[in-house]
Amino acid sequence: MLEIASKIDQSYKRTRFLYHGTKLKNHQKIINKHFLMPGKDYIANTTDSGWFGKGIYATENMFYAAKYANGYKDLDFNEKTHVICCMAIYNSSKVVELEDLS
């Protein structure tokens, strides 16, 4: 993580906790190794092509991430799903903020 942080100009470096929605069976693999990088690591199945292309997506909205972990549907009352909370260090000059989550 420090290697990534050292490559970002201090004036653009930000740290934030984000949520990533994926099936529970993927959580241990992510924890043991890392997020698989499209185009770099072998990925047998992808969720979708991504709004901005291939990549790893995370959000500040836990409920939006939960939809990905729950087959793209809202949770019913007392229904559970699993999301990963991760600390992201990123270059704020490369961020696009989405307001419309439809």
PDB file of N, CA and C in Angstrom:
ATOM      1  N   MET A   1       0.829  -1.189   0.000  1.00  0.00           N
ATOM      2  CA  MET A   1       0.000   0.000   0.000  1.00  0.00           C
ATOM      3  C   MET A   1       0.875   1.255   0.000  1.00  0.00           C
ATOM      4  N   LEU A   2       1.972   1.218   0.729  1.00  0.00           N
ATOM      5  CA  LEU A   2       2.863   2.380   0.757  1.00  0.00           C
ATOM      6  C   LEU A   2       3.486   2.638  -0.602  1.00  0.00           C
ATOM      7  N   GLU A   3       3.698   1.580  -1.374  1.00  0.00           N
ATOM      8  CA  GLU A   3       4.259   1.742  -2.712  1.00  0.00           C
ATOM      9  C   GLU A   3       3.310   2.559  -3.585  1.00  0.00           C
ATOM     10  N   ILE A   4       2.037   2.266  -3.517  1.00  0.00           N
ATOM     11  CA  ILE A   4       1.032   3.013  -4.283  1.00  0.00           C
ATOM     12  C   ILE A   4       0.976   4.457  -3.798  1.00  0.00           C
ATOM     13  N   ALA A   5       0.913   4.637  -2.501  1.00  0.00           N
ATOM     14  CA  ALA A   5       0.800   5.980  -1.921  1.00  0.00           C
ATOM     15  C   ALA A   5       1.974   6.865  -2.317  1.00  0.00           C
ATOM     16  N   SER A   6       3.153   6.298  -2.429  1.00  0.00           N
ATOM     17  CA  SER A   6       4.334   7.093  -2.765  1.00  0.00           C
ATOM     18  C   SER A   6       4.327   7.572  -4.214  1.00  0.00           C
ATOM     19  N   LYS A   7       3.501   6.980  -5.065  1.00  0.00           N
ATOM     20  CA  LYS A   7       3.447   7.343  -6.481  1.00  0.00           C
ATOM     21  C   LYS A   7       2.439   8.458  -6.770  1.00  0.00           C
ATOM     22  N   ILE A   8       1.678   8.856  -5.762  1.00  0.00           N
ATOM     23  CA  ILE A   8       0.641   9.875  -5.959  1.00  0.00           C
ATOM     24  C   ILE A   8       1.111  11.198  -5.374  1.00  0.00           C
ATOM     25  N   ASP A   9       0.977  12.245  -6.169  1.00  0.00           N
ATOM     26  CA  ASP A   9       1.313  13.592  -5.714  1.00  0.00           C
ATOM     27  C   ASP A   9       0.518  13.899  -4.447  1.00  0.00           C
ATOM     28  N   GLN A  10       1.175  14.440  -3.428  1.00  0.00           N
ATOM     29  CA  GLN A  10       0.556  14.705  -2.128  1.00  0.00           C
ATOM     30  C   GLN A  10      -0.709  15.567  -2.228  1.00  0.00           C
ATOM     31  N   SER A  11      -0.726  16.513  -3.167  1.00  0.00           N
ATOM     32  CA  SER A  11      -1.882  17.399  -3.274  1.00  0.00           C
ATOM     33  C   SER A  11      -3.128  16.679  -3.806  1.00  0.00           C
ATOM     34  N   TYR A  12      -2.958  15.491  -4.428  1.00  0.00           N
ATOM     35  CA  TYR A  12      -4.084  14.735  -4.967  1.00  0.00           C
ATOM     36  C   TYR A  12      -4.355  13.438  -4.205  1.00  0.00           C
ATOM     37  N   LYS A  13      -3.492  13.101  -3.244  1.00  0.00           N
ATOM     38  CA  LYS A  13      -3.642  11.840  -2.534  1.00  0.00           C
ATOM     39  C   LYS A  13      -4.794  11.911  -1.540  1.00  0.00           C
ATOM     40  N   ARG A  14      -5.695  10.927  -1.636  1.00  0.00           N
ATOM     41  CA  ARG A  14      -6.831  10.835  -0.734  1.00  0.00           C
ATOM     42  C   ARG A  14      -6.931   9.398  -0.211  1.00  0.00           C
ATOM     43  N   THR A  15      -7.495   9.269   0.971  1.00  0.00           N
ATOM     44  CA  THR A  15      -7.754   7.967   1.565  1.00  0.00           C
ATOM     45  C   THR A  15      -9.223   7.921   1.943  1.00  0.00           C
ATOM     46  N   ARG A  16      -9.867   6.819   1.609  1.00  0.00           N
ATOM     47  CA  ARG A  16     -11.295   6.690   1.869  1.00  0.00           C
ATOM     48  C   ARG A  16     -11.638   5.216   2.073  1.00  0.00           C
ATOM     49  N   PHE A  17     -12.620   4.950   2.898  1.00  0.00           N
ATOM     50  CA  PHE A  17     -13.125   3.588   3.029  1.00  0.00           C
ATOM     51  C   PHE A  17     -14.253   3.411   2.033  1.00  0.00           C
ATOM     52  N   LEU A  18     -14.153   2.345   1.237  1.00  0.00           N
ATOM     53  CA  LEU A  18     -15.129   2.067   0.190  1.00  0.00           C
ATOM     54  C   LEU A  18     -15.644   0.640   0.326  1.00  0.00           C
ATOM     55  N   TYR A  19     -16.768   0.367  -0.321  1.00  0.00           N
ATOM     56  CA  TYR A  19     -17.393  -0.953  -0.294  1.00  0.00           C
ATOM     57  C   TYR A  19     -17.345  -1.586  -1.674  1.00  0.00           C
ATOM     58  N   HIS A  20     -17.064  -2.880  -1.684  1.00  0.00           N
ATOM     59  CA  HIS A  20     -17.025  -3.656  -2.917  1.00  0.00           C
ATOM     60  C   HIS A  20     -17.996  -4.822  -2.749  1.00  0.00           C
ATOM     61  N   GLY A  21     -18.953  -4.929  -3.644  1.00  0.00           N
ATOM     62  CA  GLY A  21     -19.939  -5.999  -3.568  1.00  0.00           C
ATOM     63  C   GLY A  21     -19.544  -7.175  -4.437  1.00  0.00           C
ATOM     64  N   THR A  22     -19.455  -8.342  -3.839  1.00  0.00           N
ATOM     65  CA  THR A  22     -19.167  -9.564  -4.571  1.00  0.00           C
ATOM     66  C   THR A  22     -19.698 -10.735  -3.768  1.00  0.00           C
ATOM     67  N   LYS A  23     -19.838 -11.873  -4.404  1.00  0.00           N
ATOM     68  CA  LYS A  23     -20.333 -13.059  -3.712  1.00  0.00           C
ATOM     69  C   LYS A  23     -19.386 -13.461  -2.594  1.00  0.00           C
ATOM     70  N   LEU A  24     -19.942 -14.021  -1.551  1.00  0.00           N
ATOM     71  CA  LEU A  24     -19.160 -14.414  -0.378  1.00  0.00           C
ATOM     72  C   LEU A  24     -18.025 -15.366  -0.736  1.00  0.00           C
ATOM     73  N   LYS A  25     -18.234 -16.227  -1.726  1.00  0.00           N
ATOM     74  CA  LYS A  25     -17.189 -17.187  -2.109  1.00  0.00           C
ATOM     75  C   LYS A  25     -15.922 -16.497  -2.624  1.00  0.00           C
ATOM     76  N   ASN A  26     -16.021 -15.240  -3.034  1.00  0.00           N
ATOM     77  CA  ASN A  26     -14.850 -14.499  -3.533  1.00  0.00           C
ATOM     78  C   ASN A  26     -14.070 -13.788  -2.430  1.00  0.00           C
ATOM     79  N   HIS A  27     -14.672 -13.596  -1.270  1.00  0.00           N
ATOM     80  CA  HIS A  27     -14.055 -12.793  -0.209  1.00  0.00           C
ATOM     81  C   HIS A  27     -12.712 -13.353   0.246  1.00  0.00           C
ATOM     82  N   GLN A  28     -12.635 -14.647   0.525  1.00  0.00           N
ATOM     83  CA  GLN A  28     -11.387 -15.211   1.038  1.00  0.00           C
ATOM     84  C   GLN A  28     -10.266 -15.111   0.010  1.00  0.00           C
ATOM     85  N   LYS A  29     -10.593 -15.309  -1.280  1.00  0.00           N
ATOM     86  CA  LYS A  29      -9.580 -15.181  -2.336  1.00  0.00           C
ATOM     87  C   LYS A  29      -9.045 -13.748  -2.395  1.00  0.00           C
ATOM     88  N   ILE A  30      -9.924 -12.775  -2.267  1.00  0.00           N
ATOM     89  CA  ILE A  30      -9.506 -11.371  -2.296  1.00  0.00           C
ATOM     90  C   ILE A  30      -8.613 -11.070  -1.095  1.00  0.00           C
ATOM     91  N   ILE A  31      -9.003 -11.547   0.071  1.00  0.00           N
ATOM     92  CA  ILE A  31      -8.226 -11.299   1.286  1.00  0.00           C
ATOM     93  C   ILE A  31      -6.856 -11.972   1.207  1.00  0.00           C
ATOM     94  N   ASN A  32      -6.817 -13.224   0.731  1.00  0.00           N
ATOM     95  CA  ASN A  32      -5.558 -13.974   0.666  1.00  0.00           C
ATOM     96  C   ASN A  32      -4.584 -13.412  -0.354  1.00  0.00           C
ATOM     97  N   LYS A  33      -5.097 -12.924  -1.462  1.00  0.00           N
ATOM     98  CA  LYS A  33      -4.214 -12.468  -2.542  1.00  0.00           C
ATOM     99  C   LYS A  33      -4.395 -10.973  -2.783  1.00  0.00           C
ATOM    100  N   HIS A  34      -5.389 -10.622  -3.514  1.00  0.00           N
ATOM    101  CA  HIS A  34      -5.717  -9.228  -3.837  1.00  0.00           C
ATOM    102  C   HIS A  34      -6.918  -9.232  -4.765  1.00  0.00           C
ATOM    103  N   PHE A  35      -7.415  -8.050  -5.111  1.00  0.00           N
ATOM    104  CA  PHE A  35      -8.435  -7.957  -6.142  1.00  0.00           C
ATOM    105  C   PHE A  35      -7.785  -8.352  -7.460  1.00  0.00           C
ATOM    106  N   LEU A  36      -8.478  -9.143  -8.268  1.00  0.00           N
ATOM    107  CA  LEU A  36      -7.951  -9.508  -9.577  1.00  0.00           C
ATOM    108  C   LEU A  36      -8.099  -8.318 -10.520  1.00  0.00           C
ATOM    109  N   MET A  37      -7.046  -8.034 -11.256  1.00  0.00           N
ATOM    110  CA  MET A  37      -7.027  -6.899 -12.169  1.00  0.00           C
ATOM    111  C   MET A  37      -7.384  -7.348 -13.580  1.00  0.00           C
ATOM    112  N   PRO A  38      -8.502  -6.873 -14.131  1.00  0.00           N
ATOM    113  CA  PRO A  38      -8.848  -7.221 -15.511  1.00  0.00           C
ATOM    114  C   PRO A  38      -7.733  -6.813 -16.468  1.00  0.00           C
ATOM    115  N   GLY A  39      -7.393  -7.725 -17.361  1.00  0.00           N
ATOM    116  CA  GLY A  39      -6.330  -7.467 -18.314  1.00  0.00           C
ATOM    117  C   GLY A  39      -4.949  -7.830 -17.793  1.00  0.00           C
ATOM    118  N   LYS A  40      -4.839  -8.072 -16.488  1.00  0.00           N
ATOM    119  CA  LYS A  40      -3.556  -8.441 -15.892  1.00  0.00           C
ATOM    120  C   LYS A  40      -3.625  -9.848 -15.293  1.00  0.00           C
ATOM    121  N   ASP A  41      -4.651 -10.108 -14.495  1.00  0.00           N
ATOM    122  CA  ASP A  41      -4.848 -11.413 -13.871  1.00  0.00           C
ATOM    123  C   ASP A  41      -5.899 -12.188 -14.654  1.00  0.00           C
ATOM    124  N   TYR A  42      -5.840 -13.506 -14.570  1.00  0.00           N
ATOM    125  CA  TYR A  42      -6.840 -14.340 -15.216  1.00  0.00           C
ATOM    126  C   TYR A  42      -8.149 -14.248 -14.434  1.00  0.00           C
ATOM    127  N   ILE A  43      -9.236 -13.929 -15.129  1.00  0.00           N
ATOM    128  CA  ILE A  43     -10.554 -13.851 -14.526  1.00  0.00           C
ATOM    129  C   ILE A  43     -11.483 -14.723 -15.363  1.00  0.00           C
ATOM    130  N   ALA A  44     -12.034 -15.770 -14.751  1.00  0.00           N
ATOM    131  CA  ALA A  44     -12.900 -16.696 -15.474  1.00  0.00           C
ATOM    132  C   ALA A  44     -14.246 -16.056 -15.808  1.00  0.00           C
ATOM    133  N   ASN A  45     -14.834 -15.345 -14.855  1.00  0.00           N
ATOM    134  CA  ASN A  45     -16.143 -14.714 -15.046  1.00  0.00           C
ATOM    135  C   ASN A  45     -16.092 -13.278 -14.573  1.00  0.00           C
ATOM    136  N   THR A  46     -16.749 -12.398 -15.299  1.00  0.00           N
ATOM    137  CA  THR A  46     -16.863 -11.012 -14.867  1.00  0.00           C
ATOM    138  C   THR A  46     -18.334 -10.691 -14.631  1.00  0.00           C
ATOM    139  N   THR A  47     -18.596  -9.766 -13.749  1.00  0.00           N
ATOM    140  CA  THR A  47     -19.967  -9.377 -13.440  1.00  0.00           C
ATOM    141  C   THR A  47     -20.592  -8.663 -14.631  1.00  0.00           C
ATOM    142  N   ASP A  48     -19.892  -7.688 -15.157  1.00  0.00           N
ATOM    143  CA  ASP A  48     -20.342  -6.949 -16.335  1.00  0.00           C
ATOM    144  C   ASP A  48     -19.132  -6.239 -16.924  1.00  0.00           C
ATOM    145  N   SER A  49     -19.331  -5.499 -18.009  1.00  0.00           N
ATOM    146  CA  SER A  49     -18.194  -4.839 -18.663  1.00  0.00           C
ATOM    147  C   SER A  49     -17.763  -3.566 -17.949  1.00  0.00           C
ATOM    148  N   GLY A  50     -18.542  -3.097 -16.986  1.00  0.00           N
ATOM    149  CA  GLY A  50     -18.173  -1.904 -16.227  1.00  0.00           C
ATOM    150  C   GLY A  50     -18.588  -0.636 -16.942  1.00  0.00           C
ATOM    151  N   TRP A  51     -19.080   0.308 -16.181  1.00  0.00           N
ATOM    152  CA  TRP A  51     -19.539   1.583 -16.737  1.00  0.00           C
ATOM    153  C   TRP A  51     -18.404   2.330 -17.420  1.00  0.00           C
ATOM    154  N   PHE A  52     -17.220   2.301 -16.814  1.00  0.00           N
ATOM    155  CA  PHE A  52     -16.057   2.989 -17.368  1.00  0.00           C
ATOM    156  C   PHE A  52     -15.041   2.012 -17.931  1.00  0.00           C
ATOM    157  N   GLY A  53     -15.458   0.797 -18.256  1.00  0.00           N
ATOM    158  CA  GLY A  53     -14.560  -0.209 -18.794  1.00  0.00           C
ATOM    159  C   GLY A  53     -14.142  -1.203 -17.722  1.00  0.00           C
ATOM    160  N   LYS A  54     -13.201  -2.047 -18.090  1.00  0.00           N
ATOM    161  CA  LYS A  54     -12.737  -3.080 -17.173  1.00  0.00           C
ATOM    162  C   LYS A  54     -12.034  -2.459 -15.983  1.00  0.00           C
ATOM    163  N   GLY A  55     -12.290  -2.995 -14.804  1.00  0.00           N
ATOM    164  CA  GLY A  55     -11.648  -2.477 -13.608  1.00  0.00           C
ATOM    165  C   GLY A  55     -12.275  -3.046 -12.363  1.00  0.00           C
ATOM    166  N   ILE A  56     -11.804  -2.581 -11.237  1.00  0.00           N
ATOM    167  CA  ILE A  56     -12.349  -2.948  -9.941  1.00  0.00           C
ATOM    168  C   ILE A  56     -13.162  -1.760  -9.466  1.00  0.00           C
ATOM    169  N   TYR A  57     -14.404  -2.004  -9.152  1.00  0.00           N
ATOM    170  CA  TYR A  57     -15.300  -0.921  -8.767  1.00  0.00           C
ATOM    171  C   TYR A  57     -15.606  -0.978  -7.280  1.00  0.00           C
ATOM    172  N   ALA A  58     -15.659   0.183  -6.652  1.00  0.00           N
ATOM    173  CA  ALA A  58     -16.009   0.303  -5.244  1.00  0.00           C
ATOM    174  C   ALA A  58     -16.806   1.594  -5.088  1.00  0.00           C
ATOM    175  N   THR A  59     -17.550   1.679  -3.997  1.00  0.00           N
ATOM    176  CA  THR A  59     -18.432   2.817  -3.781  1.00  0.00           C
ATOM    177  C   THR A  59     -18.490   3.176  -2.297  1.00  0.00           C
ATOM    178  N   GLU A  60     -18.873   4.394  -2.013  1.00  0.00           N
ATOM    179  CA  GLU A  60     -19.112   4.804  -0.635  1.00  0.00           C
ATOM    180  C   GLU A  60     -20.489   4.347  -0.158  1.00  0.00           C
ATOM    181  N   ASN A  61     -21.326   3.905  -1.076  1.00  0.00           N
ATOM    182  CA  ASN A  61     -22.698   3.511  -0.780  1.00  0.00           C
ATOM    183  C   ASN A  61     -22.764   2.001  -0.544  1.00  0.00           C
ATOM    184  N   MET A  62     -22.862   1.600   0.719  1.00  0.00           N
ATOM    185  CA  MET A  62     -22.885   0.191   1.086  1.00  0.00           C
ATOM    186  C   MET A  62     -24.070  -0.542   0.442  1.00  0.00           C
ATOM    187  N   PHE A  63     -25.200   0.143   0.284  1.00  0.00           N
ATOM    188  CA  PHE A  63     -26.388  -0.488  -0.265  1.00  0.00           C
ATOM    189  C   PHE A  63     -26.233  -0.752  -1.762  1.00  0.00           C
ATOM    190  N   TYR A  64     -25.550   0.140  -2.454  1.00  0.00           N
ATOM    191  CA  TYR A  64     -25.279  -0.066  -3.879  1.00  0.00           C
ATOM    192  C   TYR A  64     -24.333  -1.259  -4.052  1.00  0.00           C
ATOM    193  N   ALA A  65     -23.300  -1.351  -3.228  1.00  0.00           N
ATOM    194  CA  ALA A  65     -22.378  -2.497  -3.275  1.00  0.00           C
ATOM    195  C   ALA A  65     -23.119  -3.787  -2.956  1.00  0.00           C
ATOM    196  N   ALA A  66     -24.064  -3.723  -2.028  1.00  0.00           N
ATOM    197  CA  ALA A  66     -24.834  -4.912  -1.646  1.00  0.00           C
ATOM    198  C   ALA A  66     -25.644  -5.454  -2.815  1.00  0.00           C
ATOM    199  N   LYS A  67     -26.090  -4.574  -3.706  1.00  0.00           N
ATOM    200  CA  LYS A  67     -26.833  -5.033  -4.878  1.00  0.00           C
ATOM    201  C   LYS A  67     -25.968  -5.950  -5.738  1.00  0.00           C
ATOM    202  N   TYR A  68     -24.696  -5.630  -5.898  1.00  0.00           N
ATOM    203  CA  TYR A  68     -23.795  -6.480  -6.684  1.00  0.00           C
ATOM    204  C   TYR A  68     -23.578  -7.824  -5.998  1.00  0.00           C
ATOM    205  N   ALA A  69     -23.501  -7.815  -4.697  1.00  0.00           N
ATOM    206  CA  ALA A  69     -23.305  -9.057  -3.945  1.00  0.00           C
ATOM    207  C   ALA A  69     -24.591  -9.881  -3.902  1.00  0.00           C
ATOM    208  N   ASN A  70     -25.720  -9.255  -4.204  1.00  0.00           N
ATOM    209  CA  ASN A  70     -27.031  -9.906  -4.097  1.00  0.00           C
ATOM    210  C   ASN A  70     -27.692 -10.087  -5.462  1.00  0.00           C
ATOM    211  N   GLY A  71     -26.912 -10.277  -6.501  1.00  0.00           N
ATOM    212  CA  GLY A  71     -27.477 -10.529  -7.828  1.00  0.00           C
ATOM    213  C   GLY A  71     -28.227  -9.358  -8.422  1.00  0.00           C
ATOM    214  N   TYR A  72     -27.782  -8.134  -8.150  1.00  0.00           N
ATOM    215  CA  TYR A  72     -28.337  -6.887  -8.700  1.00  0.00           C
ATOM    216  C   TYR A  72     -29.725  -6.537  -8.170  1.00  0.00           C
ATOM    217  N   LYS A  73     -30.103  -7.083  -7.031  1.00  0.00           N
ATOM    218  CA  LYS A  73     -31.423  -6.730  -6.503  1.00  0.00           C
ATOM    219  C   LYS A  73     -31.311  -6.197  -5.083  1.00  0.00           C
ATOM    220  N   ASP A  74     -32.298  -5.360  -4.733  1.00  0.00           N
ATOM    221  CA  ASP A  74     -32.349  -4.822  -3.376  1.00  0.00           C
ATOM    222  C   ASP A  74     -32.585  -5.947  -2.388  1.00  0.00           C
ATOM    223  N   LEU A  75     -32.094  -5.762  -1.184  1.00  0.00           N
ATOM    224  CA  LEU A  75     -32.317  -6.744  -0.134  1.00  0.00           C
ATOM    225  C   LEU A  75     -33.741  -6.627   0.390  1.00  0.00           C
ATOM    226  N   ASP A  76     -34.365  -7.771   0.622  1.00  0.00           N
ATOM    227  CA  ASP A  76     -35.668  -7.798   1.269  1.00  0.00           C
ATOM    228  C   ASP A  76     -35.470  -7.669   2.771  1.00  0.00           C
ATOM    229  N   PHE A  77     -36.549  -7.426   3.498  1.00  0.00           N
ATOM    230  CA  PHE A  77     -36.504  -7.314   4.942  1.00  0.00           C
ATOM    231  C   PHE A  77     -35.886  -8.582   5.537  1.00  0.00           C
ATOM    232  N   ASN A  78     -34.885  -8.412   6.397  1.00  0.00           N
ATOM    233  CA  ASN A  78     -34.145  -9.493   7.062  1.00  0.00           C
ATOM    234  C   ASN A  78     -33.282 -10.341   6.116  1.00  0.00           C
ATOM    235  N   GLU A  79     -33.157  -9.947   4.869  1.00  0.00           N
ATOM    236  CA  GLU A  79     -32.268 -10.659   3.947  1.00  0.00           C
ATOM    237  C   GLU A  79     -30.850 -10.145   4.154  1.00  0.00           C
ATOM    238  N   LYS A  80     -29.875 -11.020   3.989  1.00  0.00           N
ATOM    239  CA  LYS A  80     -28.482 -10.644   4.213  1.00  0.00           C
ATOM    240  C   LYS A  80     -27.657 -10.870   2.951  1.00  0.00           C
ATOM    241  N   THR A  81     -26.601 -10.098   2.858  1.00  0.00           N
ATOM    242  CA  THR A  81     -25.591 -10.311   1.833  1.00  0.00           C
ATOM    243  C   THR A  81     -24.265  -9.854   2.426  1.00  0.00           C
ATOM    244  N   HIS A  82     -23.189  -9.972   1.674  1.00  0.00           N
ATOM    245  CA  HIS A  82     -21.867  -9.641   2.192  1.00  0.00           C
ATOM    246  C   HIS A  82     -21.156  -8.682   1.254  1.00  0.00           C
ATOM    247  N   VAL A  83     -20.540  -7.659   1.834  1.00  0.00           N
ATOM    248  CA  VAL A  83     -19.717  -6.727   1.071  1.00  0.00           C
ATOM    249  C   VAL A  83     -18.360  -6.614   1.762  1.00  0.00           C
ATOM    250  N   ILE A  84     -17.372  -6.192   1.011  1.00  0.00           N
ATOM    251  CA  ILE A  84     -16.032  -5.980   1.555  1.00  0.00           C
ATOM    252  C   ILE A  84     -15.835  -4.483   1.763  1.00  0.00           C
ATOM    253  N   CYS A  85     -15.362  -4.109   2.925  1.00  0.00           N
ATOM    254  CA  CYS A  85     -14.986  -2.727   3.190  1.00  0.00           C
ATOM    255  C   CYS A  85     -13.476  -2.651   3.052  1.00  0.00           C
ATOM    256  N   CYS A  86     -13.010  -1.736   2.227  1.00  0.00           N
ATOM    257  CA  CYS A  86     -11.565  -1.638   2.010  1.00  0.00           C
ATOM    258  C   CYS A  86     -11.120  -0.172   2.047  1.00  0.00           C
ATOM    259  N   MET A  87      -9.888   0.033   2.458  1.00  0.00           N
ATOM    260  CA  MET A  87      -9.326   1.372   2.457  1.00  0.00           C
ATOM    261  C   MET A  87      -8.694   1.609   1.094  1.00  0.00           C
ATOM    262  N   ALA A  88      -9.078   2.676   0.464  1.00  0.00           N
ATOM    263  CA  ALA A  88      -8.551   3.019  -0.850  1.00  0.00           C
ATOM    264  C   ALA A  88      -7.658   4.250  -0.742  1.00  0.00           C
ATOM    265  N   ILE A  89      -6.510   4.165  -1.351  1.00  0.00           N
ATOM    266  CA  ILE A  89      -5.628   5.333  -1.505  1.00  0.00           C
ATOM    267  C   ILE A  89      -5.647   5.635  -2.993  1.00  0.00           C
ATOM    268  N   TYR A  90      -6.017   6.849  -3.339  1.00  0.00           N
ATOM    269  CA  TYR A  90      -6.214   7.141  -4.752  1.00  0.00           C
ATOM    270  C   TYR A  90      -5.822   8.570  -5.102  1.00  0.00           C
ATOM    271  N   ASN A  91      -5.721   8.811  -6.407  1.00  0.00           N
ATOM    272  CA  ASN A  91      -5.409  10.104  -6.968  1.00  0.00           C
ATOM    273  C   ASN A  91      -6.734  10.797  -7.280  1.00  0.00           C
ATOM    274  N   SER A  92      -7.072  11.832  -6.537  1.00  0.00           N
ATOM    275  CA  SER A  92      -8.370  12.498  -6.689  1.00  0.00           C
ATOM    276  C   SER A  92      -8.544  13.152  -8.061  1.00  0.00           C
ATOM    277  N   SER A  93      -7.469  13.414  -8.776  1.00  0.00           N
ATOM    278  CA  SER A  93      -7.596  14.009 -10.105  1.00  0.00           C
ATOM    279  C   SER A  93      -8.088  12.989 -11.133  1.00  0.00           C
ATOM    280  N   LYS A  94      -8.158  11.720 -10.763  1.00  0.00           N
ATOM    281  CA  LYS A  94      -8.598  10.656 -11.671  1.00  0.00           C
ATOM    282  C   LYS A  94      -9.985  10.127 -11.326  1.00  0.00           C
ATOM    283  N   VAL A  95     -10.697  10.788 -10.403  1.00  0.00           N
ATOM    284  CA  VAL A  95     -11.970  10.304  -9.905  1.00  0.00           C
ATOM    285  C   VAL A  95     -13.131  10.945 -10.639  1.00  0.00           C
ATOM    286  N   VAL A  96     -14.147  10.144 -10.928  1.00  0.00           N
ATOM    287  CA  VAL A  96     -15.398  10.628 -11.494  1.00  0.00           C
ATOM    288  C   VAL A  96     -16.476  10.340 -10.468  1.00  0.00           C
ATOM    289  N   GLU A  97     -17.181  11.352 -10.031  1.00  0.00           N
ATOM    290  CA  GLU A  97     -18.260  11.185  -9.049  1.00  0.00           C
ATOM    291  C   GLU A  97     -19.563  10.921  -9.789  1.00  0.00           C
ATOM    292  N   LEU A  98     -20.277   9.854  -9.432  1.00  0.00           N
ATOM    293  CA  LEU A  98     -21.559   9.521 -10.022  1.00  0.00           C
ATOM    294  C   LEU A  98     -22.670   9.891  -9.062  1.00  0.00           C
ATOM    295  N   GLU A  99     -23.658  10.606  -9.551  1.00  0.00           N
ATOM    296  CA  GLU A  99     -24.807  10.974  -8.727  1.00  0.00           C
ATOM    297  C   GLU A  99     -26.004  10.078  -9.064  1.00  0.00           C
ATOM    298  N   ASP A 100     -26.136   9.694 -10.315  1.00  0.00           N
ATOM    299  CA  ASP A 100     -27.247   8.871 -10.765  1.00  0.00           C
ATOM    300  C   ASP A 100     -26.838   7.410 -10.661  1.00  0.00           C
ATOM    301  N   LEU A 101     -27.403   6.683  -9.706  1.00  0.00           N
ATOM    302  CA  LEU A 101     -27.039   5.283  -9.490  1.00  0.00           C
ATOM    303  C   LEU A 101     -27.990   4.323 -10.187  1.00  0.00           C
ATOM    304  N   SER A 102     -28.831   4.822 -11.077  1.00  0.00           N
ATOM    305  CA  SER A 102     -29.790   3.947 -11.763  1.00  0.00           C
ATOM    306  C   SER A 102     -29.068   3.039 -12.735  1.00  0.00           C
TER     307      SER A 102
END
